[in-house]
mmCIF file of all heavy atoms, coordinates in Angstrom:
data_MODEL
# 
_entry.id   MODEL 
# 
loop_
_atom_site.group_PDB 
_atom_site.id 
_atom_site.type_symbol 
_atom_site.label_atom_id 
_atom_site.label_alt_id 
_atom_site.label_comp_id 
_atom_site.label_asym_id 
_atom_site.label_entity_id 
_atom_site.label_seq_id 
_atom_site.pdbx_PDB_ins_code 
_atom_site.Cartn_x 
_atom_site.Cartn_y 
_atom_site.Cartn_z 
_atom_site.occupancy 
_atom_site.B_iso_or_equiv 
_atom_site.pdbx_formal_charge 
_atom_site.auth_seq_id 
_atom_site.auth_comp_id 
_atom_site.auth_asym_id 
_atom_site.auth_atom_id 
_atom_site.pdbx_PDB_model_num 
ATOM 1   N N   . ASP A 1 1  ? -10.520 -3.470  -5.161 1.00 0.00 ? 1  ASP A N   1 
ATOM 2   C CA  . ASP A 1 1  ? -9.656  -4.619  -5.430 1.00 0.00 ? 1  ASP A CA  1 
ATOM 3   C C   . ASP A 1 1  ? -10.362 -5.924  -5.068 1.00 0.00 ? 1  ASP A C   1 
ATOM 4   O O   . ASP A 1 1  ? -11.189 -5.971  -4.149 1.00 0.00 ? 1  ASP A O   1 
ATOM 5   C CB  . ASP A 1 1  ? -8.358  -4.512  -4.636 1.00 0.00 ? 1  ASP A CB  1 
ATOM 6   C CG  . ASP A 1 1  ? -7.440  -3.417  -5.178 1.00 0.00 ? 1  ASP A CG  1 
ATOM 7   O OD1 . ASP A 1 1  ? -7.819  -2.774  -6.172 1.00 0.00 ? 1  ASP A OD1 1 
ATOM 8   O OD2 . ASP A 1 1  ? -6.360  -3.218  -4.601 1.00 0.00 ? 1  ASP A OD2 1 
ATOM 9   N N   . ILE A 1 2  ? -10.004 -6.967  -5.810 1.00 0.00 ? 2  ILE A N   1 
ATOM 10  C CA  . ILE A 1 2  ? -10.554 -8.303  -5.579 1.00 0.00 ? 2  ILE A CA  1 
ATOM 11  C C   . ILE A 1 2  ? -9.385  -9.254  -5.306 1.00 0.00 ? 2  ILE A C   1 
ATOM 12  O O   . ILE A 1 2  ? -8.362  -9.210  -5.997 1.00 0.00 ? 2  ILE A O   1 
ATOM 13  C CB  . ILE A 1 2  ? -11.347 -8.808  -6.804 1.00 0.00 ? 2  ILE A CB  1 
ATOM 14  C CG1 . ILE A 1 2  ? -12.475 -7.817  -7.143 1.00 0.00 ? 2  ILE A CG1 1 
ATOM 15  C CG2 . ILE A 1 2  ? -11.918 -10.194 -6.548 1.00 0.00 ? 2  ILE A CG2 1 
ATOM 16  C CD1 . ILE A 1 2  ? -13.528 -7.678  -6.074 1.00 0.00 ? 2  ILE A CD1 1 
ATOM 17  N N   . ASP A 1 3  ? -9.550  -10.144 -4.299 1.00 0.00 ? 3  ASP A N   1 
ATOM 18  C CA  . ASP A 1 3  ? -8.468  -11.079 -3.999 1.00 0.00 ? 3  ASP A CA  1 
ATOM 19  C C   . ASP A 1 3  ? -8.528  -12.297 -4.921 1.00 0.00 ? 3  ASP A C   1 
ATOM 20  O O   . ASP A 1 3  ? -9.383  -12.368 -5.830 1.00 0.00 ? 3  ASP A O   1 
ATOM 21  C CB  . ASP A 1 3  ? -8.484  -11.483 -2.517 1.00 0.00 ? 3  ASP A CB  1 
ATOM 22  C CG  . ASP A 1 3  ? -9.730  -12.279 -2.130 1.00 0.00 ? 3  ASP A CG  1 
ATOM 23  O OD1 . ASP A 1 3  ? -10.430 -12.794 -3.034 1.00 0.00 ? 3  ASP A OD1 1 
ATOM 24  O OD2 . ASP A 1 3  ? -9.999  -12.403 -0.919 1.00 0.00 ? 3  ASP A OD2 1 
ATOM 25  N N   . ASP A 1 4  ? -7.654  -13.256 -4.675 1.00 0.00 ? 4  ASP A N   1 
ATOM 26  C CA  . ASP A 1 4  ? -7.563  -14.436 -5.547 1.00 0.00 ? 4  ASP A CA  1 
ATOM 27  C C   . ASP A 1 4  ? -8.812  -15.310 -5.484 1.00 0.00 ? 4  ASP A C   1 
ATOM 28  O O   . ASP A 1 4  ? -9.036  -16.148 -6.364 1.00 0.00 ? 4  ASP A O   1 
ATOM 29  C CB  . ASP A 1 4  ? -6.335  -15.270 -5.170 1.00 0.00 ? 4  ASP A CB  1 
ATOM 30  C CG  . ASP A 1 4  ? -5.034  -14.547 -5.465 1.00 0.00 ? 4  ASP A CG  1 
ATOM 31  O OD1 . ASP A 1 4  ? -5.056  -13.631 -6.316 1.00 0.00 ? 4  ASP A OD1 1 
ATOM 32  O OD2 . ASP A 1 4  ? -4.005  -14.884 -4.846 1.00 0.00 ? 4  ASP A OD2 1 
ATOM 33  N N   . ASN A 1 5  ? -9.615  -15.125 -4.455 1.00 0.00 ? 5  ASN A N   1 
ATOM 34  C CA  . ASN A 1 5  ? -10.863 -15.884 -4.313 1.00 0.00 ? 5  ASN A CA  1 
ATOM 35  C C   . ASN A 1 5  ? -12.082 -15.089 -4.768 1.00 0.00 ? 5  ASN A C   1 
ATOM 36  O O   . ASN A 1 5  ? -13.213 -15.440 -4.435 1.00 0.00 ? 5  ASN A O   1 
ATOM 37  C CB  . ASN A 1 5  ? -11.042 -16.326 -2.855 1.00 0.00 ? 5  ASN A CB  1 
ATOM 38  C CG  . ASN A 1 5  ? -9.942  -17.265 -2.406 1.00 0.00 ? 5  ASN A CG  1 
ATOM 39  O OD1 . ASN A 1 5  ? -9.572  -18.190 -3.131 1.00 0.00 ? 5  ASN A OD1 1 
ATOM 40  N ND2 . ASN A 1 5  ? -9.410  -17.031 -1.205 1.00 0.00 ? 5  ASN A ND2 1 
ATOM 41  N N   . ASP A 1 6  ? -11.817 -13.999 -5.511 1.00 0.00 ? 6  ASP A N   1 
ATOM 42  C CA  . ASP A 1 6  ? -12.873 -13.128 -6.040 1.00 0.00 ? 6  ASP A CA  1 
ATOM 43  C C   . ASP A 1 6  ? -13.687 -12.461 -4.935 1.00 0.00 ? 6  ASP A C   1 
ATOM 44  O O   . ASP A 1 6  ? -14.873 -12.155 -5.123 1.00 0.00 ? 6  ASP A O   1 
ATOM 45  C CB  . ASP A 1 6  ? -13.810 -13.912 -6.975 1.00 0.00 ? 6  ASP A CB  1 
ATOM 46  C CG  . ASP A 1 6  ? -13.124 -14.317 -8.267 1.00 0.00 ? 6  ASP A CG  1 
ATOM 47  O OD1 . ASP A 1 6  ? -12.219 -13.579 -8.706 1.00 0.00 ? 6  ASP A OD1 1 
ATOM 48  O OD2 . ASP A 1 6  ? -13.481 -15.370 -8.830 1.00 0.00 ? 6  ASP A OD2 1 
ATOM 49  N N   . LYS A 1 7  ? -13.043 -12.227 -3.802 1.00 0.00 ? 7  LYS A N   1 
ATOM 50  C CA  . LYS A 1 7  ? -13.710 -11.525 -2.707 1.00 0.00 ? 7  LYS A CA  1 
ATOM 51  C C   . LYS A 1 7  ? -13.135 -10.119 -2.586 1.00 0.00 ? 7  LYS A C   1 
ATOM 52  O O   . LYS A 1 7  ? -11.949 -9.904  -2.849 1.00 0.00 ? 7  LYS A O   1 
ATOM 53  C CB  . LYS A 1 7  ? -13.527 -12.288 -1.395 1.00 0.00 ? 7  LYS A CB  1 
ATOM 54  C CG  . LYS A 1 7  ? -14.230 -13.646 -1.379 1.00 0.00 ? 7  LYS A CG  1 
ATOM 55  C CD  . LYS A 1 7  ? -14.054 -14.334 -0.029 1.00 0.00 ? 7  LYS A CD  1 
ATOM 56  C CE  . LYS A 1 7  ? -14.794 -15.665 -0.011 1.00 0.00 ? 7  LYS A CE  1 
ATOM 57  N NZ  . LYS A 1 7  ? -14.638 -16.365 1.299  1.00 0.00 ? 7  LYS A NZ  1 
ATOM 58  N N   . PRO A 1 8  ? -13.963 -9.140  -2.190 1.00 0.00 ? 8  PRO A N   1 
ATOM 59  C CA  . PRO A 1 8  ? -13.482 -7.760  -2.068 1.00 0.00 ? 8  PRO A CA  1 
ATOM 60  C C   . PRO A 1 8  ? -12.375 -7.650  -1.019 1.00 0.00 ? 8  PRO A C   1 
ATOM 61  O O   . PRO A 1 8  ? -12.439 -8.281  0.045  1.00 0.00 ? 8  PRO A O   1 
ATOM 62  C CB  . PRO A 1 8  ? -14.729 -6.983  -1.637 1.00 0.00 ? 8  PRO A CB  1 
ATOM 63  C CG  . PRO A 1 8  ? -15.881 -7.851  -2.026 1.00 0.00 ? 8  PRO A CG  1 
ATOM 64  C CD  . PRO A 1 8  ? -15.397 -9.264  -1.898 1.00 0.00 ? 8  PRO A CD  1 
ATOM 65  N N   . VAL A 1 9  ? -11.372 -6.854  -1.333 1.00 0.00 ? 9  VAL A N   1 
ATOM 66  C CA  . VAL A 1 9  ? -10.280 -6.580  -0.407 1.00 0.00 ? 9  VAL A CA  1 
ATOM 67  C C   . VAL A 1 9  ? -10.645 -5.347  0.419  1.00 0.00 ? 9  VAL A C   1 
ATOM 68  O O   . VAL A 1 9  ? -11.261 -4.410  -0.094 1.00 0.00 ? 9  VAL A O   1 
ATOM 69  C CB  . VAL A 1 9  ? -8.963  -6.339  -1.181 1.00 0.00 ? 9  VAL A CB  1 
ATOM 70  C CG1 . VAL A 1 9  ? -7.843  -5.937  -0.239 1.00 0.00 ? 9  VAL A CG1 1 
ATOM 71  C CG2 . VAL A 1 9  ? -8.582  -7.575  -1.975 1.00 0.00 ? 9  VAL A CG2 1 
ATOM 72  N N   . GLU A 1 10 ? -10.262 -5.365  1.673  1.00 0.00 ? 10 GLU A N   1 
ATOM 73  C CA  . GLU A 1 10 ? -10.533 -4.218  2.543  1.00 0.00 ? 10 GLU A CA  1 
ATOM 74  C C   . GLU A 1 10 ? -9.948  -2.942  1.922  1.00 0.00 ? 10 GLU A C   1 
ATOM 75  O O   . GLU A 1 10 ? -8.831  -2.964  1.386  1.00 0.00 ? 10 GLU A O   1 
ATOM 76  C CB  . GLU A 1 10 ? -9.902  -4.437  3.914  1.00 0.00 ? 10 GLU A CB  1 
ATOM 77  C CG  . GLU A 1 10 ? -10.651 -5.412  4.805  1.00 0.00 ? 10 GLU A CG  1 
ATOM 78  C CD  . GLU A 1 10 ? -11.903 -4.786  5.413  1.00 0.00 ? 10 GLU A CD  1 
ATOM 79  O OE1 . GLU A 1 10 ? -12.043 -3.557  5.382  1.00 0.00 ? 10 GLU A OE1 1 
ATOM 80  O OE2 . GLU A 1 10 ? -12.754 -5.549  5.901  1.00 0.00 ? 10 GLU A OE2 1 
ATOM 81  N N   . PRO A 1 11 ? -10.699 -1.840  1.952  1.00 0.00 ? 11 PRO A N   1 
ATOM 82  C CA  . PRO A 1 11 ? -10.154 -0.575  1.434  1.00 0.00 ? 11 PRO A CA  1 
ATOM 83  C C   . PRO A 1 11 ? -8.826  -0.239  2.112  1.00 0.00 ? 11 PRO A C   1 
ATOM 84  O O   . PRO A 1 11 ? -8.702  -0.353  3.338  1.00 0.00 ? 11 PRO A O   1 
ATOM 85  C CB  . PRO A 1 11 ? -11.241 0.441   1.770  1.00 0.00 ? 11 PRO A CB  1 
ATOM 86  C CG  . PRO A 1 11 ? -12.499 -0.364  1.834  1.00 0.00 ? 11 PRO A CG  1 
ATOM 87  C CD  . PRO A 1 11 ? -12.088 -1.679  2.430  1.00 0.00 ? 11 PRO A CD  1 
ATOM 88  N N   . HIS A 1 12 ? -7.838  0.177   1.312  1.00 0.00 ? 12 HIS A N   1 
ATOM 89  C CA  . HIS A 1 12 ? -6.505  0.450   1.842  1.00 0.00 ? 12 HIS A CA  1 
ATOM 90  C C   . HIS A 1 12 ? -5.849  1.538   1.005  1.00 0.00 ? 12 HIS A C   1 
ATOM 91  O O   . HIS A 1 12 ? -6.282  1.833   -0.116 1.00 0.00 ? 12 HIS A O   1 
ATOM 92  C CB  . HIS A 1 12 ? -5.643  -0.822  1.813  1.00 0.00 ? 12 HIS A CB  1 
ATOM 93  C CG  . HIS A 1 12 ? -5.556  -1.439  0.449  1.00 0.00 ? 12 HIS A CG  1 
ATOM 94  N ND1 . HIS A 1 12 ? -6.552  -2.251  -0.066 1.00 0.00 ? 12 HIS A ND1 1 
ATOM 95  C CD2 . HIS A 1 12 ? -4.612  -1.334  -0.525 1.00 0.00 ? 12 HIS A CD2 1 
ATOM 96  C CE1 . HIS A 1 12 ? -6.219  -2.647  -1.291 1.00 0.00 ? 12 HIS A CE1 1 
ATOM 97  N NE2 . HIS A 1 12 ? -5.047  -2.098  -1.595 1.00 0.00 ? 12 HIS A NE2 1 
ATOM 98  N N   . ILE A 1 13 ? -4.815  2.129   1.563  1.00 0.00 ? 13 ILE A N   1 
ATOM 99  C CA  . ILE A 1 13 ? -4.077  3.152   0.819  1.00 0.00 ? 13 ILE A CA  1 
ATOM 100 C C   . ILE A 1 13 ? -2.770  2.568   0.303  1.00 0.00 ? 13 ILE A C   1 
ATOM 101 O O   . ILE A 1 13 ? -2.190  1.662   0.903  1.00 0.00 ? 13 ILE A O   1 
ATOM 102 C CB  . ILE A 1 13 ? -3.767  4.408   1.668  1.00 0.00 ? 13 ILE A CB  1 
ATOM 103 C CG1 . ILE A 1 13 ? -2.815  4.069   2.824  1.00 0.00 ? 13 ILE A CG1 1 
ATOM 104 C CG2 . ILE A 1 13 ? -5.020  5.096   2.131  1.00 0.00 ? 13 ILE A CG2 1 
ATOM 105 C CD1 . ILE A 1 13 ? -2.172  5.292   3.459  1.00 0.00 ? 13 ILE A CD1 1 
ATOM 106 N N   . HIS A 1 14 ? -2.336  3.103   -0.841 1.00 0.00 ? 14 HIS A N   1 
ATOM 107 C CA  . HIS A 1 14 ? -0.978  2.909   -1.334 1.00 0.00 ? 14 HIS A CA  1 
ATOM 108 C C   . HIS A 1 14 ? -0.347  4.294   -1.303 1.00 0.00 ? 14 HIS A C   1 
ATOM 109 O O   . HIS A 1 14 ? -0.794  5.204   -2.007 1.00 0.00 ? 14 HIS A O   1 
ATOM 110 C CB  . HIS A 1 14 ? -0.978  2.350   -2.755 1.00 0.00 ? 14 HIS A CB  1 
ATOM 111 C CG  . HIS A 1 14 ? -1.288  0.890   -2.827 1.00 0.00 ? 14 HIS A CG  1 
ATOM 112 N ND1 . HIS A 1 14 ? -0.319  -0.080  -2.864 1.00 0.00 ? 14 HIS A ND1 1 
ATOM 113 C CD2 . HIS A 1 14 ? -2.472  0.237   -2.843 1.00 0.00 ? 14 HIS A CD2 1 
ATOM 114 C CE1 . HIS A 1 14 ? -0.885  -1.269  -2.919 1.00 0.00 ? 14 HIS A CE1 1 
ATOM 115 N NE2 . HIS A 1 14 ? -2.202  -1.104  -2.906 1.00 0.00 ? 14 HIS A NE2 1 
ATOM 116 N N   . LEU A 1 15 ? 0.672   4.436   -0.486 1.00 0.00 ? 15 LEU A N   1 
ATOM 117 C CA  . LEU A 1 15 ? 1.332   5.723   -0.290 1.00 0.00 ? 15 LEU A CA  1 
ATOM 118 C C   . LEU A 1 15 ? 2.786   5.617   -0.739 1.00 0.00 ? 15 LEU A C   1 
ATOM 119 O O   . LEU A 1 15 ? 3.505   4.700   -0.332 1.00 0.00 ? 15 LEU A O   1 
ATOM 120 C CB  . LEU A 1 15 ? 1.272   6.117   1.190  1.00 0.00 ? 15 LEU A CB  1 
ATOM 121 C CG  . LEU A 1 15 ? 2.108   7.328   1.643  1.00 0.00 ? 15 LEU A CG  1 
ATOM 122 C CD1 . LEU A 1 15 ? 1.661   8.606   0.946  1.00 0.00 ? 15 LEU A CD1 1 
ATOM 123 C CD2 . LEU A 1 15 ? 2.037   7.464   3.163  1.00 0.00 ? 15 LEU A CD2 1 
ATOM 124 N N   . VAL A 1 16 ? 3.198   6.540   -1.595 1.00 0.00 ? 16 VAL A N   1 
ATOM 125 C CA  . VAL A 1 16 ? 4.576   6.601   -2.079 1.00 0.00 ? 16 VAL A CA  1 
ATOM 126 C C   . VAL A 1 16 ? 5.229   7.849   -1.502 1.00 0.00 ? 16 VAL A C   1 
ATOM 127 O O   . VAL A 1 16 ? 4.666   8.949   -1.586 1.00 0.00 ? 16 VAL A O   1 
ATOM 128 C CB  . VAL A 1 16 ? 4.625   6.644   -3.617 1.00 0.00 ? 16 VAL A CB  1 
ATOM 129 C CG1 . VAL A 1 16 ? 6.076   6.706   -4.102 1.00 0.00 ? 16 VAL A CG1 1 
ATOM 130 C CG2 . VAL A 1 16 ? 3.928   5.424   -4.208 1.00 0.00 ? 16 VAL A CG2 1 
ATOM 131 N N   . ILE A 1 17 ? 6.406   7.685   -0.904 1.00 0.00 ? 17 ILE A N   1 
ATOM 132 C CA  . ILE A 1 17 ? 7.096   8.797   -0.248 1.00 0.00 ? 17 ILE A CA  1 
ATOM 133 C C   . ILE A 1 17 ? 8.523   8.909   -0.779 1.00 0.00 ? 17 ILE A C   1 
ATOM 134 O O   . ILE A 1 17 ? 9.219   7.898   -0.930 1.00 0.00 ? 17 ILE A O   1 
ATOM 135 C CB  . ILE A 1 17 ? 7.136   8.609   1.283  1.00 0.00 ? 17 ILE A CB  1 
ATOM 136 C CG1 . ILE A 1 17 ? 5.721   8.533   1.863  1.00 0.00 ? 17 ILE A CG1 1 
ATOM 137 C CG2 . ILE A 1 17 ? 7.913   9.749   1.948  1.00 0.00 ? 17 ILE A CG2 1 
ATOM 138 C CD1 . ILE A 1 17 ? 5.691   8.260   3.355  1.00 0.00 ? 17 ILE A CD1 1 
ATOM 139 N N   . VAL A 1 18 ? 8.953   10.149  -1.024 1.00 0.00 ? 18 VAL A N   1 
ATOM 140 C CA  . VAL A 1 18 ? 10.344  10.447  -1.360 1.00 0.00 ? 18 VAL A CA  1 
ATOM 141 C C   . VAL A 1 18 ? 10.886  11.370  -0.280 1.00 0.00 ? 18 VAL A C   1 
ATOM 142 O O   . VAL A 1 18 ? 10.300  12.433  -0.011 1.00 0.00 ? 18 VAL A O   1 
ATOM 143 C CB  . VAL A 1 18 ? 10.478  11.117  -2.739 1.00 0.00 ? 18 VAL A CB  1 
ATOM 144 C CG1 . VAL A 1 18 ? 11.942  11.403  -3.051 1.00 0.00 ? 18 VAL A CG1 1 
ATOM 145 C CG2 . VAL A 1 18 ? 9.874   10.248  -3.825 1.00 0.00 ? 18 VAL A CG2 1 
ATOM 146 N N   . LEU A 1 19 ? 11.991  10.974  0.344  1.00 0.00 ? 19 LEU A N   1 
ATOM 147 C CA  . LEU A 1 19 ? 12.609  11.755  1.414  1.00 0.00 ? 19 LEU A CA  1 
ATOM 148 C C   . LEU A 1 19 ? 13.842  12.482  0.898  1.00 0.00 ? 19 LEU A C   1 
ATOM 149 O O   . LEU A 1 19 ? 14.418  12.107  -0.134 1.00 0.00 ? 19 LEU A O   1 
ATOM 150 C CB  . LEU A 1 19 ? 12.993  10.835  2.570  1.00 0.00 ? 19 LEU A CB  1 
ATOM 151 C CG  . LEU A 1 19 ? 11.859  9.989   3.171  1.00 0.00 ? 19 LEU A CG  1 
ATOM 152 C CD1 . LEU A 1 19 ? 12.426  8.925   4.091  1.00 0.00 ? 19 LEU A CD1 1 
ATOM 153 C CD2 . LEU A 1 19 ? 10.865  10.875  3.912  1.00 0.00 ? 19 LEU A CD2 1 
ATOM 154 N N   . ASP A 1 20 ? 14.273  13.494  1.629  1.00 0.00 ? 20 ASP A N   1 
ATOM 155 C CA  . ASP A 1 20 ? 15.479  14.214  1.213  1.00 0.00 ? 20 ASP A CA  1 
ATOM 156 C C   . ASP A 1 20 ? 16.757  13.521  1.670  1.00 0.00 ? 20 ASP A C   1 
ATOM 157 O O   . ASP A 1 20 ? 17.862  13.889  1.270  1.00 0.00 ? 20 ASP A O   1 
ATOM 158 C CB  . ASP A 1 20 ? 15.444  15.664  1.719  1.00 0.00 ? 20 ASP A CB  1 
ATOM 159 C CG  . ASP A 1 20 ? 15.418  15.768  3.240  1.00 0.00 ? 20 ASP A CG  1 
ATOM 160 O OD1 . ASP A 1 20 ? 15.381  14.714  3.916  1.00 0.00 ? 20 ASP A OD1 1 
ATOM 161 O OD2 . ASP A 1 20 ? 15.406  16.907  3.759  1.00 0.00 ? 20 ASP A OD2 1 
ATOM 162 N N   . GLU A 1 21 ? 16.605  12.528  2.555  1.00 0.00 ? 21 GLU A N   1 
ATOM 163 C CA  . GLU A 1 21 ? 17.725  11.706  2.985  1.00 0.00 ? 21 GLU A CA  1 
ATOM 164 C C   . GLU A 1 21 ? 17.185  10.366  3.466  1.00 0.00 ? 21 GLU A C   1 
ATOM 165 O O   . GLU A 1 21 ? 15.991  10.219  3.726  1.00 0.00 ? 21 GLU A O   1 
ATOM 166 C CB  . GLU A 1 21 ? 18.504  12.395  4.105  1.00 0.00 ? 21 GLU A CB  1 
ATOM 167 C CG  . GLU A 1 21 ? 17.703  12.606  5.377  1.00 0.00 ? 21 GLU A CG  1 
ATOM 168 C CD  . GLU A 1 21 ? 18.522  13.248  6.489  1.00 0.00 ? 21 GLU A CD  1 
ATOM 169 O OE1 . GLU A 1 21 ? 19.758  13.270  6.367  1.00 0.00 ? 21 GLU A OE1 1 
ATOM 170 O OE2 . GLU A 1 21 ? 17.928  13.711  7.472  1.00 0.00 ? 21 GLU A OE2 1 
ATOM 171 N N   . SER A 1 22 ? 18.051  9.386   3.562  1.00 0.00 ? 22 SER A N   1 
ATOM 172 C CA  . SER A 1 22 ? 17.614  8.068   4.017  1.00 0.00 ? 22 SER A CA  1 
ATOM 173 C C   . SER A 1 22 ? 17.296  8.090   5.502  1.00 0.00 ? 22 SER A C   1 
ATOM 174 O O   . SER A 1 22 ? 18.070  8.618   6.305  1.00 0.00 ? 22 SER A O   1 
ATOM 175 C CB  . SER A 1 22 ? 18.711  7.025   3.740  1.00 0.00 ? 22 SER A CB  1 
ATOM 176 O OG  . SER A 1 22 ? 18.916  6.867   2.358  1.00 0.00 ? 22 SER A OG  1 
ATOM 177 N N   . LEU A 1 23 ? 16.151  7.532   5.862  1.00 0.00 ? 23 LEU A N   1 
ATOM 178 C CA  . LEU A 1 23 ? 15.734  7.427   7.247  1.00 0.00 ? 23 LEU A CA  1 
ATOM 179 C C   . LEU A 1 23 ? 15.427  5.980   7.583  1.00 0.00 ? 23 LEU A C   1 
ATOM 180 O O   . LEU A 1 23 ? 15.057  5.183   6.707  1.00 0.00 ? 23 LEU A O   1 
ATOM 181 C CB  . LEU A 1 23 ? 14.484  8.280   7.503  1.00 0.00 ? 23 LEU A CB  1 
ATOM 182 C CG  . LEU A 1 23 ? 14.606  9.798   7.306  1.00 0.00 ? 23 LEU A CG  1 
ATOM 183 C CD1 . LEU A 1 23 ? 13.261  10.463  7.568  1.00 0.00 ? 23 LEU A CD1 1 
ATOM 184 C CD2 . LEU A 1 23 ? 15.685  10.393  8.201  1.00 0.00 ? 23 LEU A CD2 1 
ATOM 185 N N   . ASN A 1 24 ? 15.558  5.647   8.864  1.00 0.00 ? 24 ASN A N   1 
ATOM 186 C CA  . ASN A 1 24 ? 15.221  4.311   9.323  1.00 0.00 ? 24 ASN A CA  1 
ATOM 187 C C   . ASN A 1 24 ? 13.732  4.065   9.136  1.00 0.00 ? 24 ASN A C   1 
ATOM 188 O O   . ASN A 1 24 ? 12.921  4.979   9.274  1.00 0.00 ? 24 ASN A O   1 
ATOM 189 C CB  . ASN A 1 24 ? 15.610  4.160   10.796 1.00 0.00 ? 24 ASN A CB  1 
ATOM 190 C CG  . ASN A 1 24 ? 15.440  2.753   11.295 1.00 0.00 ? 24 ASN A CG  1 
ATOM 191 O OD1 . ASN A 1 24 ? 14.379  2.388   11.784 1.00 0.00 ? 24 ASN A OD1 1 
ATOM 192 N ND2 . ASN A 1 24 ? 16.480  1.957   11.144 1.00 0.00 ? 24 ASN A ND2 1 
ATOM 193 N N   . ILE A 1 25 ? 13.371  2.834   8.828  1.00 0.00 ? 25 ILE A N   1 
ATOM 194 C CA  . ILE A 1 25 ? 11.965  2.545   8.565  1.00 0.00 ? 25 ILE A CA  1 
ATOM 195 C C   . ILE A 1 25 ? 11.077  2.806   9.784  1.00 0.00 ? 25 ILE A C   1 
ATOM 196 O O   . ILE A 1 25 ? 9.902   3.125   9.633  1.00 0.00 ? 25 ILE A O   1 
ATOM 197 C CB  . ILE A 1 25 ? 11.780  1.101   8.077  1.00 0.00 ? 25 ILE A CB  1 
ATOM 198 C CG1 . ILE A 1 25 ? 12.315  0.096   9.086  1.00 0.00 ? 25 ILE A CG1 1 
ATOM 199 C CG2 . ILE A 1 25 ? 12.417  0.903   6.720  1.00 0.00 ? 25 ILE A CG2 1 
ATOM 200 C CD1 . ILE A 1 25 ? 11.984  -1.344  8.733  1.00 0.00 ? 25 ILE A CD1 1 
# 
């Protein structure tokens, strides 16, 4: 990924989770 200043963004994860019930964050 590149930021708005055309500089590399630190490596990071995007994690998507589905739970069987609502839990507090």
